[in-house]
N, C-alpha and C. Protein backbone atom coordinates (compact mmCIF):
# COMPACT_ATOMS: atom_id res chain seq x y z
N MET A 1 122.42 106.43 98.20
CA MET A 1 122.57 104.92 98.24
C MET A 1 122.16 104.50 99.69
N ALA A 2 121.19 103.68 99.71
CA ALA A 2 120.74 103.10 101.02
C ALA A 2 121.57 101.92 101.37
N ILE A 3 121.92 101.87 102.68
CA ILE A 3 122.70 100.77 103.28
C ILE A 3 121.61 99.80 103.89
N ARG A 4 121.60 98.63 103.56
CA ARG A 4 120.57 97.66 104.04
C ARG A 4 121.29 96.58 104.88
N LYS A 5 120.58 96.12 105.91
CA LYS A 5 121.13 94.96 106.70
C LYS A 5 120.77 93.75 106.03
N ILE A 6 121.83 92.86 106.06
CA ILE A 6 121.68 91.50 105.53
C ILE A 6 120.89 90.66 106.70
N GLN A 7 119.72 89.97 106.21
CA GLN A 7 118.87 89.36 107.13
C GLN A 7 118.78 87.85 106.80
N ARG A 8 118.44 87.08 107.86
CA ARG A 8 117.92 85.71 107.61
C ARG A 8 116.52 85.68 106.98
N ILE A 9 116.33 84.99 105.82
CA ILE A 9 115.09 84.83 105.23
C ILE A 9 114.83 83.46 104.98
N GLY A 10 114.10 82.69 105.91
CA GLY A 10 113.94 81.25 105.71
C GLY A 10 115.34 80.59 105.88
N GLY A 11 115.64 79.74 104.88
CA GLY A 11 116.97 79.02 104.90
C GLY A 11 118.01 79.79 104.19
N SER A 12 117.75 81.06 103.85
CA SER A 12 118.80 81.80 103.10
C SER A 12 119.00 83.11 103.82
N ILE A 13 119.81 84.01 103.12
CA ILE A 13 119.98 85.33 103.63
C ILE A 13 119.62 86.28 102.51
N GLY A 14 119.34 87.52 102.90
CA GLY A 14 118.87 88.53 101.83
C GLY A 14 118.88 89.86 102.31
N VAL A 15 118.68 90.77 101.32
CA VAL A 15 118.56 92.22 101.71
C VAL A 15 117.22 92.60 100.94
N THR A 16 116.63 93.71 101.42
CA THR A 16 115.42 94.18 100.76
C THR A 16 115.79 95.41 99.89
N ILE A 17 114.88 95.59 98.92
CA ILE A 17 114.94 96.73 98.04
C ILE A 17 114.21 97.92 98.70
N PRO A 18 114.81 99.08 98.85
CA PRO A 18 114.07 100.18 99.38
C PRO A 18 112.81 100.44 98.69
N LYS A 19 111.68 100.61 99.42
CA LYS A 19 110.40 100.72 98.69
C LYS A 19 110.23 101.91 97.75
N ASP A 20 110.97 103.07 98.21
CA ASP A 20 110.82 104.19 97.34
C ASP A 20 111.50 104.02 96.06
N GLU A 21 112.68 103.24 96.09
CA GLU A 21 113.39 102.93 94.79
C GLU A 21 112.52 101.96 93.94
N ALA A 22 111.95 100.88 94.62
CA ALA A 22 111.06 99.95 93.85
C ALA A 22 109.91 100.61 93.23
N LYS A 23 109.34 101.71 93.95
CA LYS A 23 108.20 102.42 93.43
C LYS A 23 108.62 103.23 92.22
N ARG A 24 109.84 103.89 92.29
CA ARG A 24 110.30 104.67 91.19
C ARG A 24 110.58 103.79 89.89
N GLU A 25 110.88 102.56 90.12
CA GLU A 25 111.14 101.59 88.98
C GLU A 25 109.77 101.04 88.65
N GLY A 26 108.67 101.22 89.24
CA GLY A 26 107.36 100.63 88.74
C GLY A 26 107.13 99.29 89.45
N LEU A 27 107.95 98.79 90.30
CA LEU A 27 107.72 97.59 90.91
C LEU A 27 106.67 97.53 92.00
N VAL A 28 106.47 98.71 92.55
CA VAL A 28 105.46 98.94 93.63
C VAL A 28 104.49 99.94 93.25
N ASP A 29 103.16 99.69 93.58
CA ASP A 29 102.14 100.76 93.23
C ASP A 29 101.97 101.76 94.27
N GLU A 30 101.06 102.62 94.11
CA GLU A 30 100.89 103.78 95.01
C GLU A 30 100.45 103.35 96.44
N ASP A 31 99.94 102.12 96.52
CA ASP A 31 99.39 101.63 97.84
C ASP A 31 100.61 100.87 98.51
N GLY A 32 101.77 100.81 97.87
CA GLY A 32 102.90 100.11 98.51
C GLY A 32 102.86 98.60 98.30
N GLU A 33 102.10 98.15 97.36
CA GLU A 33 101.96 96.73 97.06
C GLU A 33 102.71 96.49 95.74
N LEU A 34 103.21 95.14 95.55
CA LEU A 34 103.90 94.82 94.39
C LEU A 34 102.87 95.05 93.16
N ALA A 35 103.42 95.64 92.09
CA ALA A 35 102.61 95.96 90.97
C ALA A 35 102.60 94.86 89.93
N GLY A 36 103.05 93.64 90.33
CA GLY A 36 102.99 92.47 89.40
C GLY A 36 103.73 91.41 90.02
N GLU A 37 104.05 90.35 89.17
CA GLU A 37 104.87 89.31 89.60
C GLU A 37 106.29 89.37 89.12
N TYR A 38 107.27 89.41 89.89
CA TYR A 38 108.62 89.65 89.42
C TYR A 38 109.54 88.49 89.87
N HIS A 39 110.62 88.44 89.15
CA HIS A 39 111.64 87.48 89.58
C HIS A 39 112.95 88.21 89.48
N ALA A 40 113.95 87.71 90.29
CA ALA A 40 115.24 88.39 90.31
C ALA A 40 116.34 87.33 89.99
N GLN A 41 117.34 87.82 89.35
CA GLN A 41 118.45 86.94 89.11
C GLN A 41 119.68 87.72 89.86
N ILE A 42 120.34 86.96 90.76
CA ILE A 42 121.48 87.55 91.49
C ILE A 42 122.75 86.77 90.96
N LYS A 43 123.73 87.74 90.64
CA LYS A 43 125.04 87.17 90.17
C LYS A 43 126.08 87.80 91.02
N GLN A 44 127.10 86.81 91.51
CA GLN A 44 128.20 87.31 92.13
C GLN A 44 129.16 87.87 91.08
N GLU A 45 129.55 89.12 91.26
CA GLU A 45 130.40 89.82 90.33
C GLU A 45 131.93 89.79 90.78
N ASP A 46 132.12 89.75 92.12
CA ASP A 46 133.46 89.86 92.71
C ASP A 46 133.31 89.48 94.17
N ASP A 47 134.39 89.47 94.93
CA ASP A 47 134.27 89.16 96.35
C ASP A 47 133.38 90.21 97.03
N LEU A 48 132.35 89.73 97.66
CA LEU A 48 131.46 90.55 98.42
C LEU A 48 130.70 91.59 97.49
N GLU A 49 130.54 91.27 96.22
CA GLU A 49 129.78 92.22 95.32
C GLU A 49 128.92 91.34 94.40
N TRP A 50 127.64 91.75 94.41
CA TRP A 50 126.60 91.00 93.63
C TRP A 50 125.78 92.09 92.83
N SER A 51 125.25 91.59 91.75
CA SER A 51 124.31 92.49 90.91
C SER A 51 122.98 91.75 90.87
N VAL A 52 121.87 92.50 90.75
CA VAL A 52 120.51 92.03 90.68
C VAL A 52 119.89 92.53 89.48
N ASP A 53 119.34 91.55 88.71
CA ASP A 53 118.48 91.90 87.56
C ASP A 53 117.10 91.39 87.83
N VAL A 54 116.09 92.28 87.62
CA VAL A 54 114.68 91.93 87.89
C VAL A 54 113.95 91.82 86.52
N PHE A 55 113.15 90.78 86.51
CA PHE A 55 112.39 90.42 85.36
C PHE A 55 110.89 90.28 85.66
N ASP A 56 110.06 90.77 84.75
CA ASP A 56 108.53 90.61 84.99
C ASP A 56 108.07 89.36 84.40
N GLU A 57 108.79 88.70 83.56
CA GLU A 57 108.37 87.46 82.96
C GLU A 57 109.62 86.58 82.74
N LEU A 58 109.44 85.27 82.84
CA LEU A 58 110.51 84.37 82.63
C LEU A 58 110.44 83.85 81.15
N GLU A 59 111.60 83.70 80.59
CA GLU A 59 111.62 83.12 79.24
C GLU A 59 111.56 81.58 79.31
N GLY A 60 110.80 80.97 78.50
CA GLY A 60 110.40 79.53 78.58
C GLY A 60 111.65 78.63 78.40
């Protein structure tokens, strides 16, 4: 399990997904580029605990 630093991203804060894990899930191609257009839903599960669901298309 990778430990990632929380960073300022524009007017928000965020963390990055490790590229090797994103590649294993098919989100990143062999060149290290995104393999499509993806969206993420972040839900707070508990104090200081969030889950992330990734979608490759949005339902209308």
